[in-house]
Amino acid sequence: MSEHIEYKAKAIVEAGNVQTISDTEYLVKSSDTGTLYNVVVGKQETNELGYLCNCTAGSYEHSCKHGRAVEIYRERFPALIKVYAEDQEIK
């Protein structure tokens, strides 16, 4: 993964531009354009990177800053993901 992707991904997380939809689905807002991208992690349909993103790079199964941002987010805030998943089960 390039240093540029890593830098941009960290900036996305720091700006609060990752939103949890479920324990495997996220919305990521691009810090460049404001576009929202869907990122899916940990499901069978994910590629060898461990995530799928609907951005241009992601559609070709390349690494992207949005997918990396979700990885960073999940590493930094695992408790939030667990709480969300538990909350969904209660409803």
N, C-alpha and C. Protein backbone atom coordinates (compact mmCIF):
# COMPACT_ATOMS: atom_id res chain seq x y z
N MET A 1 0.85 -1.17 0.00
CA MET A 1 0.00 0.00 0.00
C MET A 1 0.89 1.24 0.00
N SER A 2 0.51 2.20 -0.78
CA SER A 2 1.34 3.39 -0.92
C SER A 2 1.22 4.30 0.31
N GLU A 3 2.24 5.11 0.50
CA GLU A 3 2.23 6.09 1.59
C GLU A 3 1.10 7.10 1.39
N HIS A 4 0.81 7.41 0.13
CA HIS A 4 -0.27 8.36 -0.18
C HIS A 4 -1.62 7.83 0.30
N ILE A 5 -1.90 6.56 0.02
CA ILE A 5 -3.16 5.95 0.47
C ILE A 5 -3.23 5.96 1.98
N GLU A 6 -2.14 5.60 2.63
CA GLU A 6 -2.11 5.57 4.09
C GLU A 6 -2.37 6.97 4.67
N TYR A 7 -1.72 7.98 4.11
CA TYR A 7 -1.89 9.36 4.56
C TYR A 7 -3.34 9.81 4.39
N LYS A 8 -3.92 9.57 3.22
CA LYS A 8 -5.30 9.99 2.94
C LYS A 8 -6.29 9.24 3.84
N ALA A 9 -6.04 7.95 4.04
CA ALA A 9 -6.93 7.14 4.88
C ALA A 9 -6.95 7.65 6.32
N LYS A 10 -5.78 7.97 6.85
CA LYS A 10 -5.70 8.51 8.21
C LYS A 10 -6.43 9.84 8.30
N ALA A 11 -6.32 10.67 7.27
CA ALA A 11 -7.01 11.96 7.26
C ALA A 11 -8.52 11.77 7.26
N ILE A 12 -9.01 10.77 6.55
CA ILE A 12 -10.45 10.48 6.51
C ILE A 12 -10.94 10.11 7.91
N VAL A 13 -10.19 9.25 8.60
CA VAL A 13 -10.58 8.83 9.95
C VAL A 13 -10.51 10.01 10.91
N GLU A 14 -9.44 10.78 10.85
CA GLU A 14 -9.28 11.93 11.75
C GLU A 14 -10.39 12.96 11.56
N ALA A 15 -10.89 13.08 10.34
CA ALA A 15 -11.97 14.04 10.05
C ALA A 15 -13.34 13.51 10.47
N GLY A 16 -13.40 12.26 10.92
CA GLY A 16 -14.68 11.68 11.33
C GLY A 16 -15.55 11.28 10.15
N ASN A 17 -14.93 10.94 9.04
CA ASN A 17 -15.67 10.64 7.82
C ASN A 17 -15.93 9.15 7.58
N VAL A 18 -15.92 8.36 8.65
CA VAL A 18 -16.30 6.95 8.55
C VAL A 18 -17.54 6.74 9.40
N GLN A 19 -18.58 6.21 8.81
CA GLN A 19 -19.83 5.97 9.51
C GLN A 19 -20.14 4.48 9.48
N THR A 20 -20.45 3.91 10.64
CA THR A 20 -20.79 2.50 10.73
C THR A 20 -22.26 2.31 10.36
N ILE A 21 -22.49 1.43 9.40
CA ILE A 21 -23.84 1.04 9.01
C ILE A 21 -24.22 -0.26 9.72
N SER A 22 -23.30 -1.19 9.73
CA SER A 22 -23.44 -2.45 10.47
C SER A 22 -22.04 -2.89 10.85
N ASP A 23 -21.90 -4.07 11.45
CA ASP A 23 -20.57 -4.52 11.83
C ASP A 23 -19.70 -4.87 10.62
N THR A 24 -20.28 -4.93 9.43
CA THR A 24 -19.50 -5.23 8.22
C THR A 24 -19.65 -4.19 7.11
N GLU A 25 -20.49 -3.18 7.33
CA GLU A 25 -20.74 -2.18 6.29
C GLU A 25 -20.51 -0.77 6.82
N TYR A 26 -19.87 0.04 5.98
CA TYR A 26 -19.50 1.40 6.37
C TYR A 26 -19.74 2.36 5.22
N LEU A 27 -20.01 3.61 5.56
CA LEU A 27 -20.03 4.70 4.59
C LEU A 27 -18.79 5.54 4.87
N VAL A 28 -18.07 5.86 3.81
CA VAL A 28 -16.86 6.66 3.94
C VAL A 28 -17.00 7.87 3.04
N LYS A 29 -16.85 9.04 3.64
CA LYS A 29 -16.94 10.29 2.88
C LYS A 29 -15.55 10.69 2.41
N SER A 30 -15.42 10.89 1.12
CA SER A 30 -14.15 11.33 0.56
C SER A 30 -13.82 12.72 1.06
N SER A 31 -12.60 12.89 1.52
CA SER A 31 -12.19 14.22 1.98
C SER A 31 -11.89 15.15 0.80
N ASP A 32 -11.72 14.58 -0.39
CA ASP A 32 -11.44 15.39 -1.58
C ASP A 32 -12.72 15.93 -2.21
N THR A 33 -13.69 15.04 -2.43
CA THR A 33 -14.89 15.42 -3.20
C THR A 33 -16.17 15.44 -2.39
N GLY A 34 -16.15 14.83 -1.21
CA GLY A 34 -17.37 14.73 -0.40
C GLY A 34 -18.27 13.59 -0.82
N THR A 35 -17.84 12.80 -1.79
CA THR A 35 -18.61 11.66 -2.27
C THR A 35 -18.64 10.58 -1.19
N LEU A 36 -19.78 9.91 -1.03
CA LEU A 36 -19.91 8.80 -0.09
C LEU A 36 -19.66 7.48 -0.81
N TYR A 37 -18.82 6.65 -0.20
CA TYR A 37 -18.52 5.33 -0.76
C TYR A 37 -18.95 4.26 0.23
N ASN A 38 -19.42 3.14 -0.30
CA ASN A 38 -19.79 1.99 0.53
C ASN A 38 -18.60 1.06 0.62
N VAL A 39 -18.25 0.68 1.84
CA VAL A 39 -17.16 -0.27 2.06
C VAL A 39 -17.72 -1.43 2.86
N VAL A 40 -17.47 -2.65 2.38
CA VAL A 40 -17.92 -3.87 3.04
C VAL A 40 -16.67 -4.65 3.45
N VAL A 41 -16.65 -5.12 4.69
CA VAL A 41 -15.52 -5.90 5.20
C VAL A 41 -16.00 -7.21 5.80
N GLY A 42 -15.12 -8.20 5.80
CA GLY A 42 -15.37 -9.44 6.51
C GLY A 42 -16.49 -10.31 6.00
N LYS A 43 -16.89 -10.15 4.76
CA LYS A 43 -17.92 -11.02 4.19
C LYS A 43 -17.29 -11.87 3.09
N GLN A 44 -17.97 -12.91 2.70
CA GLN A 44 -17.44 -13.82 1.69
C GLN A 44 -17.11 -13.13 0.38
N GLU A 45 -17.92 -12.16 0.01
CA GLU A 45 -17.72 -11.52 -1.29
C GLU A 45 -16.55 -10.53 -1.31
N THR A 46 -15.87 -10.32 -0.18
CA THR A 46 -14.73 -9.41 -0.19
C THR A 46 -13.56 -10.05 -0.92
N ASN A 47 -12.67 -9.22 -1.40
CA ASN A 47 -11.51 -9.70 -2.15
C ASN A 47 -10.35 -10.03 -1.21
N GLU A 48 -9.19 -10.29 -1.78
CA GLU A 48 -8.03 -10.65 -0.97
C GLU A 48 -7.57 -9.51 -0.06
N LEU A 49 -8.00 -8.30 -0.33
CA LEU A 49 -7.67 -7.18 0.55
C LEU A 49 -8.49 -7.22 1.83
N GLY A 50 -9.59 -7.95 1.83
CA GLY A 50 -10.45 -8.04 3.00
C GLY A 50 -11.59 -7.06 3.01
N TYR A 51 -11.71 -6.26 1.93
CA TYR A 51 -12.81 -5.32 1.84
C TYR A 51 -13.17 -5.08 0.38
N LEU A 52 -14.37 -4.56 0.19
CA LEU A 52 -14.82 -4.10 -1.12
C LEU A 52 -15.26 -2.65 -0.98
N CYS A 53 -14.92 -1.84 -1.97
CA CYS A 53 -15.33 -0.45 -1.99
C CYS A 53 -15.89 -0.14 -3.36
N ASN A 54 -16.90 0.70 -3.43
CA ASN A 54 -17.50 1.02 -4.73
C ASN A 54 -16.86 2.22 -5.42
N CYS A 55 -15.67 2.64 -4.98
CA CYS A 55 -14.94 3.69 -5.69
C CYS A 55 -14.29 3.09 -6.94
N THR A 56 -13.69 3.93 -7.76
CA THR A 56 -13.07 3.45 -9.00
C THR A 56 -11.99 2.41 -8.74
N ALA A 57 -11.07 2.70 -7.82
CA ALA A 57 -10.01 1.74 -7.52
C ALA A 57 -10.59 0.45 -6.96
N GLY A 58 -11.55 0.59 -6.06
CA GLY A 58 -12.17 -0.58 -5.45
C GLY A 58 -12.90 -1.46 -6.44
N SER A 59 -13.49 -0.85 -7.46
CA SER A 59 -14.21 -1.64 -8.46
C SER A 59 -13.27 -2.52 -9.27
N TYR A 60 -11.98 -2.18 -9.28
CA TYR A 60 -10.97 -3.01 -9.94
C TYR A 60 -10.22 -3.88 -8.95
N GLU A 61 -10.74 -3.93 -7.71
CA GLU A 61 -10.17 -4.71 -6.62
C GLU A 61 -8.76 -4.29 -6.27
N HIS A 62 -8.48 -3.00 -6.39
CA HIS A 62 -7.22 -2.43 -5.95
C HIS A 62 -7.41 -1.85 -4.55
N SER A 63 -6.32 -1.66 -3.84
CA SER A 63 -6.43 -1.03 -2.53
C SER A 63 -6.85 0.43 -2.74
N CYS A 64 -7.60 0.95 -1.78
CA CYS A 64 -8.05 2.34 -1.87
C CYS A 64 -8.04 2.96 -0.48
N LYS A 65 -8.06 4.28 -0.47
CA LYS A 65 -8.01 5.01 0.80
C LYS A 65 -9.26 4.80 1.63
N HIS A 66 -10.39 4.53 0.99
CA HIS A 66 -11.65 4.34 1.73
C HIS A 66 -11.62 3.01 2.50
N GLY A 67 -11.18 1.96 1.82
CA GLY A 67 -11.06 0.66 2.49
C GLY A 67 -10.04 0.70 3.61
N ARG A 68 -8.91 1.36 3.35
CA ARG A 68 -7.88 1.48 4.38
C ARG A 68 -8.39 2.31 5.55
N ALA A 69 -9.18 3.34 5.28
CA ALA A 69 -9.75 4.15 6.36
C ALA A 69 -10.63 3.30 7.27
N VAL A 70 -11.41 2.40 6.68
CA VAL A 70 -12.25 1.51 7.49
C VAL A 70 -11.38 0.57 8.33
N GLU A 71 -10.31 0.06 7.75
CA GLU A 71 -9.40 -0.80 8.52
C GLU A 71 -8.84 -0.05 9.73
N ILE A 72 -8.41 1.18 9.51
CA ILE A 72 -7.87 2.00 10.60
C ILE A 72 -8.96 2.26 11.64
N TYR A 73 -10.14 2.62 11.18
CA TYR A 73 -11.28 2.89 12.07
C TYR A 73 -11.58 1.67 12.94
N ARG A 74 -11.63 0.51 12.32
CA ARG A 74 -11.93 -0.72 13.07
C ARG A 74 -10.83 -1.06 14.08
N GLU A 75 -9.58 -0.73 13.75
CA GLU A 75 -8.48 -0.95 14.70
C GLU A 75 -8.57 0.01 15.88
N ARG A 76 -8.94 1.24 15.62
CA ARG A 76 -8.98 2.27 16.66
C ARG A 76 -10.22 2.19 17.55
N PHE A 77 -11.34 1.76 16.98
CA PHE A 77 -12.60 1.79 17.70
C PHE A 77 -13.33 0.44 17.71
N PRO A 78 -12.68 -0.63 18.11
CA PRO A 78 -13.35 -1.93 18.08
C PRO A 78 -14.57 -2.00 19.00
N ALA A 79 -14.56 -1.27 20.09
CA ALA A 79 -15.70 -1.30 21.02
C ALA A 79 -16.95 -0.72 20.36
N LEU A 80 -16.80 0.30 19.53
CA LEU A 80 -17.96 0.88 18.86
C LEU A 80 -18.61 -0.12 17.91
N ILE A 81 -17.81 -0.89 17.25
CA ILE A 81 -18.32 -1.89 16.31
C ILE A 81 -19.09 -2.96 17.08
N LYS A 82 -18.53 -3.41 18.20
CA LYS A 82 -19.18 -4.43 19.03
C LYS A 82 -20.51 -3.91 19.58
N VAL A 83 -20.53 -2.69 20.09
CA VAL A 83 -21.76 -2.11 20.64
C VAL A 83 -22.82 -2.02 19.55
N TYR A 84 -22.44 -1.56 18.37
CA TYR A 84 -23.39 -1.44 17.28
C TYR A 84 -23.99 -2.80 16.93
N ALA A 85 -23.14 -3.82 16.83
CA ALA A 85 -23.63 -5.16 16.48
C ALA A 85 -24.57 -5.70 17.55
N GLU A 86 -24.23 -5.46 18.81
CA GLU A 86 -25.10 -5.91 19.90
C GLU A 86 -26.41 -5.16 19.89
N ASP A 87 -26.36 -3.87 19.61
CA ASP A 87 -27.57 -3.06 19.55
C ASP A 87 -28.50 -3.57 18.45
N GLN A 88 -27.95 -3.96 17.34
CA GLN A 88 -28.75 -4.47 16.24
C GLN A 88 -29.43 -5.77 16.63
N GLU A 89 -28.77 -6.61 17.40
CA GLU A 89 -29.35 -7.88 17.80
C GLU A 89 -30.52 -7.70 18.76
N ILE A 90 -30.49 -6.66 19.57
CA ILE A 90 -31.54 -6.40 20.55
C ILE A 90 -32.84 -6.03 19.86
N LYS A 91 -32.77 -5.27 18.80
CA LYS A 91 -33.98 -4.78 18.14
C LYS A 91 -34.77 -5.83 17.49
